[in-house]
Amino acid sequence: QPPARPQCCTTGAGCAVQLGAEPEQRSQTAAEQRSSPHPTAAQEAAAAPQRARSGTARPAREVLQYNAPGGKCNRGLTVVAAFRELSGPGQKDAESLRCALAVGWCIELFQAFFLVADDIMDQSLTRRGQLCWYKKEGIGLDAINDAFLLESSVYRMLKKYCGQQPYYVHLLELFLQTAYQTELGQMLDLITAPISKVDLSQFSEERYKAIVKYKTAFYSFYLPVAAAMYMVGIDSKEEHENAKAILLEMGEYFQIQDDYLDCFGDPALTGKVGTDIQDNKCSWLVVQCLQRVTPEQRQLLEENYGRKEPERVAKVKELYETVGMRAAFQQYEESSYRRLQELIEKHSNRLPKEIFLGLARKIYKRQK
């Protein structure tokens, strides 16, 4: 029996176009891409080599089906959208689109690898509206190896679909560099906010921006667009630096939204229960709160931040309300969106503005 189609978003739709479909079967819009089946290529990429395959096929498939779908697939869809926007007339053939779709799925697997590992390190409970993978019965710390499996699947899939392309080495180096940057960001996050020790003096705006840049912005925003650029032959340093200037700023905007939703969002929409306060995270809210509190309020924050007890978490949230963090975020969101539009005007002279404007519109005032 073929595996059931994984669900990609709250509408119950699939997440991307099937890699083996004929050109006329492939969707032309992001909405249509969501309703197409999960590519079997992702499962093939994770399959064990023939000599080691006995008994591993089903577990590998379960790792993929549980962790790769379920999100909004923005990163994967961005690859396809950017590729279509950037590609010339001779680059819109079925094989080129097939490669773009494969790279999009590589980034979704990349994301799944990071999330499985991050949930273990943060001791999170839910992800995308379901139990974190390591919390499932019978999984536990086996999830560490499952995260490695997801990472390896990225490079197997990349070679399978793009190995003969002239841009393959560019993509390989891009993924390797992005993995390194993201892992540096995760390390910064962990050492800034250890679960066992609360030290609010570590929570500076400079440190926060560094964590966001490396942990989120490179892989969530620069990676998908840079991959599409390399695929159409745009490999000059100047062009990539211009794209990076816009996309890293967009990544910071996205993460600040995420921090706000962790505290004030609706878990029914976000698909996860926020734990930044309990986990002693260097979030935008606590960094901004520290700039606004009185000495007495800071003392209250020091006594309650990074604690698991619900009543202590409630006190921190109450303090956020008292110092006006909702209004501060709304003000930030408006000013940051205007700044993004200015950056797009300044840096996208030789790249289509719509790539960046479309991304900005997609995340502006998001609720999940």
Protein backbone atom coordinates (compact mmCIF):
# COMPACT_ATOMS: atom_id res chain seq x y z
CA GLN A 1 0.00 0.00 0.00
CA PRO A 2 1.34 3.48 -0.81
CA PRO A 3 1.79 5.73 2.21
CA ALA A 4 -1.03 8.14 2.97
CA ARG A 5 -0.49 11.62 1.63
CA PRO A 6 1.12 13.78 4.31
CA GLN A 7 -0.72 16.91 5.34
CA CYS A 8 1.10 20.18 4.89
CA CYS A 9 -1.02 22.86 6.42
CA THR A 10 -4.15 23.48 8.41
CA THR A 11 -6.30 23.16 5.30
CA GLY A 12 -5.20 19.55 4.98
CA ALA A 13 -3.58 20.13 1.61
CA GLY A 14 -0.37 18.60 0.38
CA CYS A 15 2.76 20.69 0.27
CA ALA A 16 4.40 20.69 -3.15
CA VAL A 17 4.33 19.37 -6.65
CA GLN A 18 5.15 15.72 -7.30
CA LEU A 19 8.57 15.63 -8.87
CA GLY A 20 7.66 12.93 -11.37
CA ALA A 21 4.54 14.62 -12.75
CA GLU A 22 4.23 15.69 -16.38
CA PRO A 23 4.65 19.44 -17.04
CA GLU A 24 0.93 20.00 -17.63
CA GLN A 25 0.18 18.33 -14.29
CA ARG A 26 2.44 20.70 -12.41
CA SER A 27 0.71 23.58 -10.67
CA GLN A 28 1.45 27.18 -11.59
CA THR A 29 0.57 28.90 -8.31
CA ALA A 30 1.55 28.49 -4.68
CA ALA A 31 -2.05 27.59 -3.83
CA GLU A 32 -2.07 24.80 -6.41
CA GLN A 33 1.32 23.55 -5.25
CA ARG A 34 -0.12 23.07 -1.78
CA SER A 35 -2.77 20.69 -3.11
CA SER A 36 -0.36 18.36 -4.93
CA PRO A 37 1.08 15.15 -3.46
CA HIS A 38 4.24 14.94 -1.41
CA PRO A 39 7.07 13.82 -3.72
CA THR A 40 8.17 10.23 -3.28
CA ALA A 41 11.65 11.50 -4.07
CA ALA A 42 12.00 12.71 -0.49
CA GLN A 43 11.31 9.20 0.73
CA GLU A 44 13.74 7.72 -1.79
CA ALA A 45 16.43 10.14 -0.66
CA ALA A 46 16.16 8.91 2.92
CA ALA A 47 16.16 5.23 2.06
CA ALA A 48 19.15 3.29 3.38
CA PRO A 49 21.72 1.84 0.98
CA GLN A 50 20.74 -1.61 -0.31
CA ARG A 51 22.99 -3.63 2.03
CA ALA A 52 21.68 -1.81 5.12
CA ARG A 53 18.07 -1.42 4.00
CA SER A 54 16.50 -4.41 5.72
CA GLY A 55 14.04 -3.16 8.33
CA THR A 56 14.83 0.55 7.82
CA ALA A 57 12.40 1.53 5.05
CA ARG A 58 9.36 1.99 7.24
CA PRO A 59 11.11 3.87 10.09
CA ALA A 60 12.78 6.21 7.58
CA ARG A 61 9.45 6.86 5.91
CA GLU A 62 7.83 7.59 9.29
CA VAL A 63 10.56 10.10 10.17
CA LEU A 64 9.91 11.93 6.90
CA GLN A 65 6.14 11.77 6.99
CA TYR A 66 5.93 13.01 10.57
CA ASN A 67 8.50 15.81 10.38
CA ALA A 68 8.75 17.12 6.81
CA PRO A 69 5.08 18.07 6.16
CA GLY A 70 2.85 20.06 8.47
CA GLY A 71 4.26 23.55 8.02
CA LYS A 72 3.40 26.34 5.61
CA CYS A 73 6.19 25.26 3.22
CA ASN A 74 7.16 28.90 2.65
CA ARG A 75 10.84 28.07 2.18
CA GLY A 76 10.27 25.39 -0.42
CA LEU A 77 7.64 27.38 -2.29
CA THR A 78 9.95 30.42 -2.29
CA VAL A 79 12.54 28.46 -4.30
CA VAL A 80 9.97 27.68 -6.99
CA ALA A 81 8.50 31.20 -7.03
CA ALA A 82 11.94 32.83 -7.23
CA PHE A 83 13.07 30.38 -9.92
CA ARG A 84 10.03 31.19 -12.07
CA GLU A 85 10.57 34.91 -11.58
CA LEU A 86 14.30 34.80 -12.40
CA SER A 87 14.51 32.15 -15.13
CA GLY A 88 14.82 33.07 -18.79
CA PRO A 89 12.84 31.55 -21.68
CA GLY A 90 15.32 28.69 -22.11
CA GLN A 91 15.16 27.74 -18.43
CA LYS A 92 11.44 27.04 -18.07
CA ASP A 93 11.51 23.46 -19.36
CA ALA A 94 10.19 20.49 -17.41
CA GLU A 95 13.63 19.33 -16.24
CA SER A 96 14.57 22.76 -14.87
CA LEU A 97 11.31 23.02 -12.95
CA ARG A 98 11.82 19.49 -11.67
CA CYS A 99 15.19 20.56 -10.23
CA ALA A 100 13.67 23.67 -8.63
CA LEU A 101 11.00 21.55 -6.97
CA ALA A 102 13.63 19.14 -5.69
CA VAL A 103 15.68 21.99 -4.20
CA GLY A 104 12.52 23.32 -2.57
CA TRP A 105 11.99 19.95 -0.91
CA CYS A 106 15.65 19.85 0.11
CA ILE A 107 15.07 23.06 2.08
CA GLU A 108 11.92 21.64 3.70
CA LEU A 109 13.95 18.58 4.81
CA PHE A 110 16.70 20.94 5.99
CA GLN A 111 14.10 22.76 8.08
CA ALA A 112 12.79 19.47 9.49
CA PHE A 113 16.33 18.49 10.53
CA PHE A 114 16.78 21.73 12.46
CA LEU A 115 13.36 21.54 14.12
CA VAL A 116 13.71 17.95 15.34
CA ALA A 117 17.07 18.81 16.94
CA ASP A 118 15.87 22.18 18.28
CA ASP A 119 12.85 20.61 19.99
CA ILE A 120 15.11 18.18 21.86
CA MET A 121 17.47 20.95 23.00
CA ASP A 122 14.59 23.22 24.07
CA GLN A 123 12.61 20.36 25.62
CA SER A 124 9.58 21.52 23.60
CA LEU A 125 6.26 19.70 23.76
CA THR A 126 4.48 20.40 20.48
CA ARG A 127 5.42 21.33 16.94
CA ARG A 128 3.03 22.10 14.07
CA GLY A 129 0.01 21.06 16.08
CA GLN A 130 1.32 17.65 17.14
CA LEU A 131 3.70 16.14 19.68
CA CYS A 132 7.37 16.84 19.00
CA TRP A 133 8.96 13.80 17.37
CA TYR A 134 11.17 12.98 20.36
CA LYS A 135 8.10 13.05 22.65
CA LYS A 136 6.35 10.29 20.74
CA GLU A 137 6.21 6.93 22.49
CA GLY A 138 9.21 4.79 21.61
CA ILE A 139 11.24 7.63 20.06
CA GLY A 140 12.97 9.62 22.83
CA LEU A 141 16.62 10.40 22.12
CA ASP A 142 16.57 8.17 19.03
CA ALA A 143 15.30 11.40 17.48
CA ILE A 144 18.89 12.68 17.45
CA ASN A 145 19.81 10.10 14.84
CA ASP A 146 16.55 10.77 13.01
CA ALA A 147 17.61 14.43 12.72
CA PHE A 148 20.90 13.28 11.17
CA LEU A 149 18.89 11.12 8.75
CA LEU A 150 16.87 14.13 7.65
CA GLU A 151 20.06 16.13 7.12
CA SER A 152 21.65 13.35 5.06
CA SER A 153 18.48 13.12 2.98
CA VAL A 154 19.02 16.72 1.87
CA TYR A 155 22.35 15.91 0.23
CA ARG A 156 21.16 12.60 -1.23
CA MET A 157 18.21 14.33 -2.83
CA LEU A 158 20.31 17.27 -4.02
CA LYS A 159 22.71 14.92 -5.79
CA LYS A 160 19.93 12.76 -7.23
CA TYR A 161 18.13 15.65 -8.91
CA CYS A 162 20.83 18.29 -9.45
CA GLY A 163 24.09 16.32 -9.47
CA GLN A 164 24.62 16.75 -13.22
CA GLN A 165 23.74 20.44 -13.30
CA PRO A 166 26.42 23.16 -13.68
CA TYR A 167 25.19 24.86 -10.50
CA TYR A 168 25.39 21.72 -8.33
CA VAL A 169 28.61 22.73 -6.52
CA HIS A 170 27.21 26.21 -5.83
CA LEU A 171 24.13 24.63 -4.23
CA LEU A 172 26.18 22.13 -2.26
CA GLU A 173 28.41 24.88 -0.84
CA LEU A 174 25.34 27.03 -0.13
CA PHE A 175 23.67 24.29 1.92
CA LEU A 176 26.88 23.45 3.79
CA GLN A 177 27.58 27.11 4.61
CA THR A 178 23.98 27.67 5.70
CA ALA A 179 24.07 24.61 7.97
CA TYR A 180 27.22 25.98 9.61
CA GLN A 181 25.68 29.44 10.07
CA THR A 182 22.47 28.01 11.54
CA GLU A 183 24.38 25.78 13.94
CA LEU A 184 26.43 28.79 15.08
CA GLY A 185 23.18 30.62 15.72
CA GLN A 186 21.83 27.70 17.70
CA MET A 187 25.01 27.61 19.78
CA LEU A 188 24.71 31.35 20.49
CA ASP A 189 21.10 30.81 21.52
CA LEU A 190 22.00 27.96 23.87
CA ILE A 191 24.93 29.66 25.61
CA THR A 192 23.06 32.95 25.96
CA ALA A 193 20.09 31.33 27.66
CA PRO A 194 21.00 28.06 29.41
CA ILE A 195 17.96 26.37 30.94
CA SER A 196 19.68 26.02 34.32
CA LYS A 197 20.81 29.64 34.78
CA VAL A 198 19.00 32.95 34.27
CA ASP A 199 21.28 35.93 33.57
CA LEU A 200 19.32 38.83 32.10
CA SER A 201 22.51 40.85 31.61
CA GLN A 202 23.24 38.58 28.62
CA PHE A 203 20.07 39.70 26.84
CA SER A 204 21.33 42.63 24.77
CA GLU A 205 19.89 43.81 21.47
CA GLU A 206 23.24 43.13 19.80
CA ARG A 207 23.28 39.51 21.01
CA TYR A 208 19.65 39.05 19.99
CA LYS A 209 20.31 40.29 16.44
CA ALA A 210 23.30 37.94 16.09
CA ILE A 211 21.23 34.93 17.19
CA VAL A 212 18.44 35.79 14.76
CA LYS A 213 20.77 36.43 11.84
CA TYR A 214 22.55 33.10 12.13
CA LYS A 215 19.86 30.85 13.57
CA THR A 216 16.92 31.94 11.41
CA ALA A 217 17.55 34.51 8.69
CA PHE A 218 20.17 32.71 6.60
CA TYR A 219 18.31 29.44 6.16
CA SER A 220 14.75 30.78 6.17
CA PHE A 221 15.15 33.70 3.78
CA TYR A 222 18.53 33.90 2.06
CA LEU A 223 18.90 30.18 1.30
CA PRO A 224 15.73 29.72 -0.84
CA VAL A 225 16.31 32.83 -2.94
CA ALA A 226 20.08 32.29 -3.27
CA ALA A 227 19.43 28.71 -4.43
CA ALA A 228 17.10 29.94 -7.17
CA MET A 229 19.65 32.58 -8.18
CA TYR A 230 22.38 29.98 -8.60
CA MET A 231 20.03 27.74 -10.58
CA VAL A 232 19.46 30.44 -13.21
CA GLY A 233 23.15 31.37 -13.37
CA ILE A 234 23.21 34.43 -11.10
CA ASP A 235 26.38 33.81 -9.13
CA SER A 236 28.09 37.21 -8.82
CA LYS A 237 29.04 38.30 -5.31
CA GLU A 238 27.42 41.73 -5.81
CA GLU A 239 24.02 40.27 -6.74
CA HIS A 240 24.07 37.89 -3.79
CA GLU A 241 25.13 40.62 -1.36
CA ASN A 242 22.23 42.80 -2.55
CA ALA A 243 19.78 39.95 -2.03
CA LYS A 244 21.30 39.17 1.36
CA ALA A 245 20.90 42.79 2.56
CA ILE A 246 17.15 42.53 2.00
CA LEU A 247 16.61 38.94 3.07
CA LEU A 248 18.53 39.03 6.37
CA GLU A 249 16.51 42.07 7.41
CA MET A 250 13.37 40.18 6.46
CA GLY A 251 14.54 37.24 8.55
CA GLU A 252 14.91 39.48 11.61
CA TYR A 253 11.40 40.84 11.07
CA PHE A 254 10.07 37.27 10.80
CA GLN A 255 11.79 36.12 14.01
CA ILE A 256 10.53 39.09 16.00
CA GLN A 257 7.02 38.19 14.83
CA ASP A 258 7.71 34.62 15.95
CA ASP A 259 8.81 35.80 19.40
CA TYR A 260 5.65 37.88 19.75
CA LEU A 261 3.42 34.97 18.67
CA ASP A 262 5.20 32.64 21.11
CA CYS A 263 3.80 34.75 23.95
CA PHE A 264 0.66 36.36 22.54
CA GLY A 265 -0.31 34.09 19.63
CA ASP A 266 -3.14 31.57 19.55
CA PRO A 267 -1.75 28.00 19.82
CA ALA A 268 -4.67 26.81 17.69
CA LEU A 269 -3.24 28.94 14.85
CA THR A 270 0.50 28.71 15.53
CA GLY A 271 0.42 24.94 16.08
CA LYS A 272 2.66 25.10 19.13
CA VAL A 273 2.55 26.11 22.77
CA GLY A 274 4.96 28.98 23.38
CA THR A 275 7.77 28.25 25.83
CA ASP A 276 10.23 31.15 25.39
CA ILE A 277 9.61 32.44 28.92
CA GLN A 278 9.98 29.02 30.56
CA ASP A 279 13.03 28.21 28.41
CA ASN A 280 14.87 31.40 29.40
CA LYS A 281 15.08 32.47 25.75
CA CYS A 282 16.73 35.68 24.61
CA SER A 283 13.56 36.78 22.81
CA TRP A 284 12.70 40.19 21.39
CA LEU A 285 10.04 40.67 24.06
CA VAL A 286 12.38 40.24 27.02
CA VAL A 287 15.13 42.35 25.39
CA GLN A 288 12.68 45.20 24.79
CA CYS A 289 11.05 44.76 28.19
CA LEU A 290 14.44 45.18 29.89
CA GLN A 291 14.79 48.58 28.20
CA ARG A 292 11.47 49.73 29.68
CA VAL A 293 11.30 48.36 33.24
CA THR A 294 11.84 50.10 36.56
CA PRO A 295 14.34 48.54 39.02
CA GLU A 296 11.42 46.92 40.87
CA GLN A 297 10.00 45.48 37.65
CA ARG A 298 13.42 44.16 36.67
CA GLN A 299 13.62 42.37 40.01
CA LEU A 300 10.23 40.78 39.31
CA LEU A 301 11.49 39.67 35.90
CA GLU A 302 14.67 38.17 37.36
CA GLU A 303 12.64 36.22 39.92
CA ASN A 304 10.20 34.75 37.40
CA TYR A 305 11.85 34.54 33.96
CA GLY A 306 13.14 31.11 32.96
CA ARG A 307 10.90 29.30 35.46
CA LYS A 308 8.53 26.48 34.53
CA GLU A 309 5.75 27.16 37.05
CA PRO A 310 2.60 28.53 35.31
CA GLU A 311 2.11 31.24 37.94
CA ARG A 312 5.65 32.57 37.30
CA VAL A 313 5.09 32.55 33.53
CA ALA A 314 1.84 34.45 34.11
CA LYS A 315 3.70 37.13 36.09
CA VAL A 316 6.12 37.69 33.21
CA LYS A 317 3.25 37.97 30.72
CA GLU A 318 1.50 40.40 33.04
CA LEU A 319 4.67 42.51 33.17
CA TYR A 320 4.84 42.50 29.36
CA GLU A 321 1.29 43.87 29.32
CA THR A 322 2.13 46.49 31.95
CA VAL A 323 5.11 47.91 30.04
CA GLY A 324 3.16 47.92 26.75
CA MET A 325 4.84 45.17 24.74
CA ARG A 326 1.81 44.63 22.48
CA ALA A 327 1.87 48.27 21.39
CA ALA A 328 5.68 48.20 21.07
CA PHE A 329 5.44 45.24 18.71
CA GLN A 330 2.74 46.85 16.57
CA GLN A 331 4.89 49.97 16.25
CA TYR A 332 7.93 47.85 15.36
CA GLU A 333 5.96 45.86 12.77
CA GLU A 334 4.84 48.97 10.90
CA SER A 335 8.25 50.67 10.92
CA SER A 336 10.08 47.48 9.97
CA TYR A 337 7.76 46.81 7.03
CA ARG A 338 8.42 50.33 5.72
CA ARG A 339 12.17 49.77 6.10
CA LEU A 340 11.91 46.52 4.15
CA GLN A 341 10.20 48.33 1.29
CA GLU A 342 13.00 50.92 1.28
CA LEU A 343 15.67 48.19 1.22
CA ILE A 344 13.91 46.48 -1.68
CA GLU A 345 13.92 49.74 -3.65
CA LYS A 346 17.61 50.28 -2.89
CA HIS A 347 19.06 46.80 -3.45
CA SER A 348 16.92 45.09 -6.08
CA ASN A 349 17.97 47.12 -9.14
CA ARG A 350 19.02 44.01 -11.11
CA LEU A 351 16.68 41.53 -9.45
CA PRO A 352 12.87 41.51 -9.82
CA LYS A 353 11.36 43.45 -6.92
CA GLU A 354 8.35 41.13 -6.86
CA ILE A 355 10.45 38.29 -5.40
CA PHE A 356 11.10 40.34 -2.28
CA LEU A 357 7.77 42.18 -2.16
CA GLY A 358 5.90 38.87 -2.41
CA LEU A 359 7.86 37.45 0.53
CA ALA A 360 7.29 40.59 2.59
CA ARG A 361 3.54 40.54 1.91
CA LYS A 362 3.36 36.88 2.87
CA ILE A 363 4.77 37.45 6.36
CA TYR A 364 3.33 40.92 7.08
CA LYS A 365 0.88 40.75 10.04
CA ARG A 366 0.94 36.94 10.00
CA GLN A 367 -0.83 35.11 12.82
CA LYS A 368 1.04 31.81 12.56
